Amino acid sequence: MLYPYAEFPGELSVTYSQVIKDPSMKTGEKILVHFEKPTDFGFKEARYSLPDFKEIYNYDFTKTETKNNLDILKRNAPLITECAKEEKTSA
């Protein structure tokens, strides 16, 4: 399940998952962060994982938009992580 995190200028929406157990991660868990922006024909979408900032997929974001998405992700990672952990305890 994805939870709303924030909407940024230009209709960019960011959502995140609860903490997911993943033994392949150094920490043993990960969080998925989803970026979405409407277009005339649907949506641009990208998904990343925390804590490694790995891009899982990127549909139609430009290189500049992708860089901006990563900047947003890096600046907000601590708060997104905290929010995801709260979802884990409230579920």
PDB file of N, CA and C in Angstrom:
ATOM      1  N   MET A   1       0.846  -1.166   0.000  1.00  0.00           N
ATOM      2  CA  MET A   1       0.000   0.000   0.000  1.00  0.00           C
ATOM      3  C   MET A   1       0.897   1.237   0.000  1.00  0.00           C
ATOM      4  N   LEU A   2       0.481   2.264  -0.745  1.00  0.00           N
ATOM      5  CA  LEU A   2       1.227   3.518  -0.779  1.00  0.00           C
ATOM      6  C   LEU A   2       0.473   4.583   0.005  1.00  0.00           C
ATOM      7  N   TYR A   3       1.231   5.396   0.729  1.00  0.00           N
ATOM      8  CA  TYR A   3       0.668   6.459   1.553  1.00  0.00           C
ATOM      9  C   TYR A   3       1.110   7.805   0.993  1.00  0.00           C
ATOM     10  N   PRO A   4       0.228   8.813   0.998  1.00  0.00           N
ATOM     11  CA  PRO A   4       0.619  10.117   0.463  1.00  0.00           C
ATOM     12  C   PRO A   4       1.682  10.780   1.334  1.00  0.00           C
ATOM     13  N   TYR A   5       2.692  11.323   0.688  1.00  0.00           N
ATOM     14  CA  TYR A   5       3.730  12.069   1.400  1.00  0.00           C
ATOM     15  C   TYR A   5       3.583  13.562   1.142  1.00  0.00           C
ATOM     16  N   ALA A   6       3.641  13.982  -0.139  1.00  0.00           N
ATOM     17  CA  ALA A   6       3.577  15.412  -0.448  1.00  0.00           C
ATOM     18  C   ALA A   6       3.227  15.627  -1.908  1.00  0.00           C
ATOM     19  N   GLU A   7       2.704  16.824  -2.174  1.00  0.00           N
ATOM     20  CA  GLU A   7       2.530  17.290  -3.547  1.00  0.00           C
ATOM     21  C   GLU A   7       3.414  18.506  -3.720  1.00  0.00           C
ATOM     22  N   PHE A   8       4.190  18.501  -4.794  1.00  0.00           N
ATOM     23  CA  PHE A   8       5.133  19.574  -5.071  1.00  0.00           C
ATOM     24  C   PHE A   8       4.637  20.398  -6.256  1.00  0.00           C
ATOM     25  N   PRO A   9       5.171  21.611  -6.439  1.00  0.00           N
ATOM     26  CA  PRO A   9       4.761  22.442  -7.578  1.00  0.00           C
ATOM     27  C   PRO A   9       4.878  21.673  -8.894  1.00  0.00           C
ATOM     28  N   GLY A  10       3.946  21.939  -9.794  1.00  0.00           N
ATOM     29  CA  GLY A  10       3.932  21.239 -11.070  1.00  0.00           C
ATOM     30  C   GLY A  10       3.171  19.933 -11.011  1.00  0.00           C
ATOM     31  N   GLU A  11       2.352  19.752  -9.970  1.00  0.00           N
ATOM     32  CA  GLU A  11       1.506  18.567  -9.801  1.00  0.00           C
ATOM     33  C   GLU A  11       2.286  17.273  -9.575  1.00  0.00           C
ATOM     34  N   LEU A  12       3.474  17.365  -9.024  1.00  0.00           N
ATOM     35  CA  LEU A  12       4.269  16.177  -8.708  1.00  0.00           C
ATOM     36  C   LEU A  12       3.811  15.621  -7.364  1.00  0.00           C
ATOM     37  N   SER A  13       3.350  14.372  -7.368  1.00  0.00           N
ATOM     38  CA  SER A  13       2.905  13.702  -6.140  1.00  0.00           C
ATOM     39  C   SER A  13       3.932  12.658  -5.732  1.00  0.00           C
ATOM     40  N   VAL A  14       4.182  12.585  -4.427  1.00  0.00           N
ATOM     41  CA  VAL A  14       5.123  11.610  -3.886  1.00  0.00           C
ATOM     42  C   VAL A  14       4.386  10.777  -2.845  1.00  0.00           C
ATOM     43  N   THR A  15       4.489   9.460  -2.995  1.00  0.00           N
ATOM     44  CA  THR A  15       3.907   8.528  -2.037  1.00  0.00           C
ATOM     45  C   THR A  15       4.985   7.544  -1.595  1.00  0.00           C
ATOM     46  N   TYR A  16       4.723   6.833  -0.504  1.00  0.00           N
ATOM     47  CA  TYR A  16       5.710   5.888   0.026  1.00  0.00           C
ATOM     48  C   TYR A  16       4.995   4.651   0.552  1.00  0.00           C
ATOM     49  N   SER A  17       5.738   3.568   0.640  1.00  0.00           N
ATOM     50  CA  SER A  17       5.202   2.319   1.186  1.00  0.00           C
ATOM     51  C   SER A  17       5.518   2.227   2.676  1.00  0.00           C
ATOM     52  N   GLN A  18       4.925   1.251   3.318  1.00  0.00           N
ATOM     53  CA  GLN A  18       5.342   0.912   4.670  1.00  0.00           C
ATOM     54  C   GLN A  18       6.732   0.274   4.575  1.00  0.00           C
ATOM     55  N   VAL A  19       7.352   0.027   5.684  1.00  0.00           N
ATOM     56  CA  VAL A  19       8.645  -0.656   5.695  1.00  0.00           C
ATOM     57  C   VAL A  19       8.430  -2.097   5.234  1.00  0.00           C
ATOM     58  N   ILE A  20       9.258  -2.528   4.284  1.00  0.00           N
ATOM     59  CA  ILE A  20       9.159  -3.871   3.712  1.00  0.00           C
ATOM     60  C   ILE A  20      10.410  -4.658   4.083  1.00  0.00           C
ATOM     61  N   LYS A  21      10.233  -5.840   4.628  1.00  0.00           N
ATOM     62  CA  LYS A  21      11.389  -6.683   4.950  1.00  0.00           C
ATOM     63  C   LYS A  21      12.031  -7.158   3.653  1.00  0.00           C
ATOM     64  N   ASP A  22      13.356  -7.015   3.568  1.00  0.00           N
ATOM     65  CA  ASP A  22      14.096  -7.421   2.369  1.00  0.00           C
ATOM     66  C   ASP A  22      15.493  -7.848   2.785  1.00  0.00           C
ATOM     67  N   PRO A  23      15.732  -9.160   2.894  1.00  0.00           N
ATOM     68  CA  PRO A  23      17.029  -9.650   3.350  1.00  0.00           C
ATOM     69  C   PRO A  23      18.183  -9.266   2.429  1.00  0.00           C
ATOM     70  N   SER A  24      17.886  -8.888   1.181  1.00  0.00           N
ATOM     71  CA  SER A  24      18.968  -8.500   0.272  1.00  0.00           C
ATOM     72  C   SER A  24      19.518  -7.108   0.583  1.00  0.00           C
ATOM     73  N   MET A  25      18.779  -6.341   1.378  1.00  0.00           N
ATOM     74  CA  MET A  25      19.234  -4.999   1.756  1.00  0.00           C
ATOM     75  C   MET A  25      20.143  -5.101   2.980  1.00  0.00           C
ATOM     76  N   LYS A  26      21.119  -4.228   3.042  1.00  0.00           N
ATOM     77  CA  LYS A  26      22.059  -4.218   4.167  1.00  0.00           C
ATOM     78  C   LYS A  26      21.328  -4.048   5.499  1.00  0.00           C
ATOM     79  N   THR A  27      20.282  -3.208   5.505  1.00  0.00           N
ATOM     80  CA  THR A  27      19.515  -2.962   6.726  1.00  0.00           C
ATOM     81  C   THR A  27      18.450  -4.022   6.981  1.00  0.00           C
ATOM     82  N   GLY A  28      18.200  -4.889   5.983  1.00  0.00           N
ATOM     83  CA  GLY A  28      17.177  -5.913   6.124  1.00  0.00           C
ATOM     84  C   GLY A  28      15.778  -5.432   5.793  1.00  0.00           C
ATOM     85  N   GLU A  29      15.656  -4.165   5.410  1.00  0.00           N
ATOM     86  CA  GLU A  29      14.353  -3.626   5.049  1.00  0.00           C
ATOM     87  C   GLU A  29      14.505  -2.483   4.057  1.00  0.00           C
ATOM     88  N   LYS A  30      13.395  -2.197   3.364  1.00  0.00           N
ATOM     89  CA  LYS A  30      13.408  -1.107   2.393  1.00  0.00           C
ATOM     90  C   LYS A  30      12.061  -0.400   2.412  1.00  0.00           C
ATOM     91  N   ILE A  31      12.034   0.759   1.785  1.00  0.00           N
ATOM     92  CA  ILE A  31      10.821   1.551   1.611  1.00  0.00           C
ATOM     93  C   ILE A  31      10.766   1.931   0.140  1.00  0.00           C
ATOM     94  N   LEU A  32       9.610   1.781  -0.477  1.00  0.00           N
ATOM     95  CA  LEU A  32       9.438   2.194  -1.865  1.00  0.00           C
ATOM     96  C   LEU A  32       8.862   3.605  -1.893  1.00  0.00           C
ATOM     97  N   VAL A  33       9.406   4.450  -2.761  1.00  0.00           N
ATOM     98  CA  VAL A  33       8.934   5.828  -2.896  1.00  0.00           C
ATOM     99  C   VAL A  33       8.546   6.034  -4.357  1.00  0.00           C
ATOM    100  N   HIS A  34       7.329   6.494  -4.553  1.00  0.00           N
ATOM    101  CA  HIS A  34       6.749   6.612  -5.895  1.00  0.00           C
ATOM    102  C   HIS A  34       6.528   8.088  -6.236  1.00  0.00           C
ATOM    103  N   PHE A  35       6.992   8.486  -7.426  1.00  0.00           N
ATOM    104  CA  PHE A  35       6.796   9.836  -7.948  1.00  0.00           C
ATOM    105  C   PHE A  35       5.827   9.739  -9.119  1.00  0.00           C
ATOM    106  N   GLU A  36       4.864  10.659  -9.165  1.00  0.00           N
ATOM    107  CA  GLU A  36       3.865  10.625 -10.225  1.00  0.00           C
ATOM    108  C   GLU A  36       3.500  12.053 -10.623  1.00  0.00           C
ATOM    109  N   LYS A  37       3.393  12.271 -11.933  1.00  0.00           N
ATOM    110  CA  LYS A  37       3.034  13.590 -12.454  1.00  0.00           C
ATOM    111  C   LYS A  37       2.102  13.399 -13.644  1.00  0.00           C
ATOM    112  N   PRO A  38       0.924  14.060 -13.636  1.00  0.00           N
ATOM    113  CA  PRO A  38      -0.003  13.887 -14.752  1.00  0.00           C
ATOM    114  C   PRO A  38       0.536  14.509 -16.041  1.00  0.00           C
ATOM    115  N   THR A  39       0.169  13.894 -17.158  1.00  0.00           N
ATOM    116  CA  THR A  39       0.488  14.419 -18.488  1.00  0.00           C
ATOM    117  C   THR A  39      -0.817  14.474 -19.281  1.00  0.00           C
ATOM    118  N   ASP A  40      -0.743  14.952 -20.495  1.00  0.00           N
ATOM    119  CA  ASP A  40      -1.937  14.988 -21.343  1.00  0.00           C
ATOM    120  C   ASP A  40      -2.440  13.589 -21.685  1.00  0.00           C
ATOM    121  N   PHE A  41      -1.569  12.585 -21.573  1.00  0.00           N
ATOM    122  CA  PHE A  41      -1.921  11.234 -21.997  1.00  0.00           C
ATOM    123  C   PHE A  41      -1.865  10.203 -20.873  1.00  0.00           C
ATOM    124  N   GLY A  42      -1.798  10.629 -19.633  1.00  0.00           N
ATOM    125  CA  GLY A  42      -1.700   9.692 -18.510  1.00  0.00           C
ATOM    126  C   GLY A  42      -0.808  10.246 -17.421  1.00  0.00           C
ATOM    127  N   PHE A  43       0.231   9.492 -17.074  1.00  0.00           N
ATOM    128  CA  PHE A  43       1.125   9.892 -15.995  1.00  0.00           C
ATOM    129  C   PHE A  43       2.568   9.562 -16.325  1.00  0.00           C
ATOM    130  N   LYS A  44       3.466  10.400 -15.808  1.00  0.00           N
ATOM    131  CA  LYS A  44       4.881  10.044 -15.707  1.00  0.00           C
ATOM    132  C   LYS A  44       5.004   9.376 -14.350  1.00  0.00           C
ATOM    133  N   GLU A  45       5.775   8.305 -14.267  1.00  0.00           N
ATOM    134  CA  GLU A  45       5.929   7.593 -13.002  1.00  0.00           C
ATOM    135  C   GLU A  45       7.371   7.163 -12.804  1.00  0.00           C
ATOM    136  N   ALA A  46       7.801   7.180 -11.563  1.00  0.00           N
ATOM    137  CA  ALA A  46       9.114   6.643 -11.209  1.00  0.00           C
ATOM    138  C   ALA A  46       9.020   6.075  -9.806  1.00  0.00           C
ATOM    139  N   ARG A  47       9.795   5.029  -9.565  1.00  0.00           N
ATOM    140  CA  ARG A  47       9.824   4.420  -8.233  1.00  0.00           C
ATOM    141  C   ARG A  47      11.264   4.184  -7.831  1.00  0.00           C
ATOM    142  N   TYR A  48      11.536   4.472  -6.565  1.00  0.00           N
ATOM    143  CA  TYR A  48      12.869   4.325  -5.987  1.00  0.00           C
ATOM    144  C   TYR A  48      12.748   3.548  -4.691  1.00  0.00           C
ATOM    145  N   SER A  49      13.871   2.991  -4.246  1.00  0.00           N
ATOM    146  CA  SER A  49      13.880   2.330  -2.942  1.00  0.00           C
ATOM    147  C   SER A  49      14.809   3.088  -2.003  1.00  0.00           C
ATOM    148  N   LEU A  50      14.433   3.073  -0.752  1.00  0.00           N
ATOM    149  CA  LEU A  50      15.279   3.604   0.320  1.00  0.00           C
ATOM    150  C   LEU A  50      15.698   2.415   1.167  1.00  0.00           C
ATOM    151  N   PRO A  51      16.844   2.387   1.734  1.00  0.00           N
ATOM    152  CA  PRO A  51      17.771   3.498   1.925  1.00  0.00           C
ATOM    153  C   PRO A  51      18.817   3.663   0.827  1.00  0.00           C
ATOM    154  N   ASP A  52      18.756   2.880  -0.253  1.00  0.00           N
ATOM    155  CA  ASP A  52      19.841   2.909  -1.244  1.00  0.00           C
ATOM    156  C   ASP A  52      19.614   3.869  -2.412  1.00  0.00           C
ATOM    157  N   PHE A  53      18.449   4.526  -2.469  1.00  0.00           N
ATOM    158  CA  PHE A  53      18.127   5.485  -3.538  1.00  0.00           C
ATOM    159  C   PHE A  53      18.182   4.837  -4.922  1.00  0.00           C
ATOM    160  N   LYS A  54      17.919   3.546  -4.994  1.00  0.00           N
ATOM    161  CA  LYS A  54      17.968   2.818  -6.265  1.00  0.00           C
ATOM    162  C   LYS A  54      16.705   3.108  -7.079  1.00  0.00           C
ATOM    163  N   GLU A  55      16.908   3.415  -8.364  1.00  0.00           N
ATOM    164  CA  GLU A  55      15.773   3.608  -9.266  1.00  0.00           C
ATOM    165  C   GLU A  55      15.247   2.239  -9.684  1.00  0.00           C
ATOM    166  N   ILE A  56      13.982   1.979  -9.423  1.00  0.00           N
ATOM    167  CA  ILE A  56      13.363   0.711  -9.783  1.00  0.00           C
ATOM    168  C   ILE A  56      12.792   0.802 -11.194  1.00  0.00           C
ATOM    169  N   TYR A  57      12.101   1.896 -11.477  1.00  0.00           N
ATOM    170  CA  TYR A  57      11.672   2.175 -12.849  1.00  0.00           C
ATOM    171  C   TYR A  57      11.443   3.663 -13.016  1.00  0.00           C
ATOM    172  N   ASN A  58      11.428   4.095 -14.272  1.00  0.00           N
ATOM    173  CA  ASN A  58      11.214   5.497 -14.609  1.00  0.00           C
ATOM    174  C   ASN A  58      10.512   5.539 -15.961  1.00  0.00           C
ATOM    175  N   TYR A  59       9.255   5.936 -15.954  1.00  0.00           N
ATOM    176  CA  TYR A  59       8.475   6.038 -17.183  1.00  0.00           C
ATOM    177  C   TYR A  59       8.228   7.506 -17.511  1.00  0.00           C
ATOM    178  N   ASP A  60       8.966   8.001 -18.483  1.00  0.00           N
ATOM    179  CA  ASP A  60       8.740   9.300 -19.124  1.00  0.00           C
ATOM    180  C   ASP A  60       9.250  10.530 -18.380  1.00  0.00           C
ATOM    181  N   PHE A  61       9.861  10.417 -17.220  1.00  0.00           N
ATOM    182  CA  PHE A  61      10.501  11.591 -16.632  1.00  0.00           C
ATOM    183  C   PHE A  61      11.776  11.889 -17.423  1.00  0.00           C
ATOM    184  N   THR A  62      12.030  13.170 -17.697  1.00  0.00           N
ATOM    185  CA  THR A  62      13.250  13.568 -18.404  1.00  0.00           C
ATOM    186  C   THR A  62      14.447  13.432 -17.470  1.00  0.00           C
ATOM    187  N   LYS A  63      15.654  13.571 -18.007  1.00  0.00           N
ATOM    188  CA  LYS A  63      16.857  13.510 -17.166  1.00  0.00           C
ATOM    189  C   LYS A  63      16.838  14.607 -16.112  1.00  0.00           C
ATOM    190  N   THR A  64      16.405  15.805 -16.490  1.00  0.00           N
ATOM    191  CA  THR A  64      16.329  16.914 -15.536  1.00  0.00           C
ATOM    192  C   THR A  64      15.294  16.632 -14.454  1.00  0.00           C
ATOM    193  N   GLU A  65      14.122  16.132 -14.848  1.00  0.00           N
ATOM    194  CA  GLU A  65      13.086  15.793 -13.873  1.00  0.00           C
ATOM    195  C   GLU A  65      13.551  14.666 -12.955  1.00  0.00           C
ATOM    196  N   THR A  66      14.255  13.692 -13.514  1.00  0.00           N
ATOM    197  CA  THR A  66      14.776  12.583 -12.715  1.00  0.00           C
ATOM    198  C   THR A  66      15.771  13.092 -11.683  1.00  0.00           C
ATOM    199  N   LYS A  67      16.646  14.008 -12.088  1.00  0.00           N
ATOM    200  CA  LYS A  67      17.600  14.603 -11.143  1.00  0.00           C
ATOM    201  C   LYS A  67      16.847  15.336 -10.036  1.00  0.00           C
ATOM    202  N   ASN A  68      15.815  16.091 -10.402  1.00  0.00           N
ATOM    203  CA  ASN A  68      15.014  16.800  -9.401  1.00  0.00           C
ATOM    204  C   ASN A  68      14.307  15.823  -8.465  1.00  0.00           C
ATOM    205  N   ASN A  69      13.780  14.728  -9.013  1.00  0.00           N
ATOM    206  CA  ASN A  69      13.138  13.708  -8.172  1.00  0.00           C
ATOM    207  C   ASN A  69      14.129  13.138  -7.160  1.00  0.00           C
ATOM    208  N   LEU A  70      15.341  12.830  -7.625  1.00  0.00           N
ATOM    209  CA  LEU A  70      16.361  12.293  -6.715  1.00  0.00           C
ATOM    210  C   LEU A  70      16.761  13.314  -5.660  1.00  0.00           C
ATOM    211  N   ASP A  71      16.840  14.589  -6.047  1.00  0.00           N
ATOM    212  CA  ASP A  71      17.141  15.641  -5.065  1.00  0.00           C
ATOM    213  C   ASP A  71      16.052  15.696  -3.995  1.00  0.00           C
ATOM    214  N   ILE A  72      14.796  15.645  -4.427  1.00  0.00           N
ATOM    215  CA  ILE A  72      13.674  15.636  -3.477  1.00  0.00           C
ATOM    216  C   ILE A  72      13.772  14.413  -2.571  1.00  0.00           C
ATOM    217  N   LEU A  73      14.042  13.260  -3.163  1.00  0.00           N
ATOM    218  CA  LEU A  73      14.136  12.024  -2.386  1.00  0.00           C
ATOM    219  C   LEU A  73      15.249  12.106  -1.346  1.00  0.00           C
ATOM    220  N   LYS A  74      16.413  12.577  -1.748  1.00  0.00           N
ATOM    221  CA  LYS A  74      17.547  12.657  -0.816  1.00  0.00           C
ATOM    222  C   LYS A  74      17.282  13.645   0.309  1.00  0.00           C
ATOM    223  N   ARG A  75      16.653  14.780  -0.006  1.00  0.00           N
ATOM    224  CA  ARG A  75      16.363  15.774   1.033  1.00  0.00           C
ATOM    225  C   ARG A  75      15.273  15.298   1.994  1.00  0.00           C
ATOM    226  N   ASN A  76      14.371  14.470   1.500  1.00  0.00           N
ATOM    227  CA  ASN A  76      13.226  14.052   2.308  1.00  0.00           C
ATOM    228  C   ASN A  76      13.327  12.636   2.855  1.00  0.00           C
ATOM    229  N   ALA A  77      14.388  11.922   2.537  1.00  0.00           N
ATOM    230  CA  ALA A  77      14.529  10.522   2.956  1.00  0.00           C
ATOM    231  C   ALA A  77      14.366  10.314   4.465  1.00  0.00           C
ATOM    232  N   PRO A  78      14.981  11.148   5.312  1.00  0.00           N
ATOM    233  CA  PRO A  78      14.809  10.905   6.753  1.00  0.00           C
ATOM    234  C   PRO A  78      13.347  10.994   7.202  1.00  0.00           C
ATOM    235  N   LEU A  79      12.617  11.978   6.696  1.00  0.00           N
ATOM    236  CA  LEU A  79      11.221  12.124   7.096  1.00  0.00           C
ATOM    237  C   LEU A  79      10.345  11.027   6.484  1.00  0.00           C
ATOM    238  N   ILE A  80      10.602  10.675   5.225  1.00  0.00           N
ATOM    239  CA  ILE A  80       9.852   9.582   4.599  1.00  0.00           C
ATOM    240  C   ILE A  80      10.077   8.288   5.378  1.00  0.00           C
ATOM    241  N   THR A  81      11.314   8.031   5.770  1.00  0.00           N
ATOM    242  CA  THR A  81      11.636   6.828   6.544  1.00  0.00           C
ATOM    243  C   THR A  81      10.888   6.826   7.873  1.00  0.00           C
ATOM    244  N   GLU A  82      10.877   7.965   8.543  1.00  0.00           N
ATOM    245  CA  GLU A  82      10.162   8.080   9.817  1.00  0.00           C
ATOM    246  C   GLU A  82       8.662   7.826   9.624  1.00  0.00           C
ATOM    247  N   CYS A  83       8.085   8.412   8.581  1.00  0.00           N
ATOM    248  CA  CYS A  83       6.657   8.207   8.300  1.00  0.00           C
ATOM    249  C   CYS A  83       6.360   6.741   8.001  1.00  0.00           C
ATOM    250  N   ALA A  84       7.219   6.100   7.214  1.00  0.00           N
ATOM    251  CA  ALA A  84       7.014   4.690   6.864  1.00  0.00           C
ATOM    252  C   ALA A  84       7.085   3.808   8.106  1.00  0.00           C
ATOM    253  N   LYS A  85       7.987   4.116   9.006  1.00  0.00           N
ATOM    254  CA  LYS A  85       8.093   3.334  10.244  1.00  0.00           C
ATOM    255  C   LYS A  85       6.855   3.518  11.109  1.00  0.00           C
ATOM    256  N   GLU A  86       6.267   4.714  11.097  1.00  0.00           N
ATOM    257  CA  GLU A  86       5.028   4.932  11.846  1.00  0.00           C
ATOM    258  C   GLU A  86       3.883   4.124  11.248  1.00  0.00           C
ATOM    259  N   GLU A  87       3.838   4.008   9.924  1.00  0.00           N
ATOM    260  CA  GLU A  87       2.806   3.183   9.279  1.00  0.00           C
ATOM    261  C   GLU A  87       2.961   1.732   9.697  1.00  0.00           C
ATOM    262  N   LYS A  88       4.202   1.293   9.824  1.00  0.00           N
ATOM    263  CA  LYS A  88       4.479  -0.090  10.226  1.00  0.00           C
ATOM    264  C   LYS A  88       3.923  -0.362  11.622  1.00  0.00           C
ATOM    265  N   THR A  89       4.084   0.594  12.533  1.00  0.00           N
ATOM    266  CA  THR A  89       3.634   0.372  13.906  1.00  0.00           C
ATOM    267  C   THR A  89       2.132   0.567  14.054  1.00  0.00           C
ATOM    268  N   SER A  90       1.517   1.348  13.148  1.00  0.00           N
ATOM    269  CA  SER A  90       0.078   1.574  13.271  1.00  0.00           C
ATOM    270  C   SER A  90      -0.742   0.523  12.527  1.00  0.00           C
ATOM    271  N   ALA A  91      -0.085  -0.275  11.696  1.00  0.00           N
ATOM    272  CA  ALA A  91      -0.824  -1.280  10.904  1.00  0.00           C
ATOM    273  C   ALA A  91      -1.175  -2.492  11.732  1.00  0.00           C
TER     274      ALA A  91
END
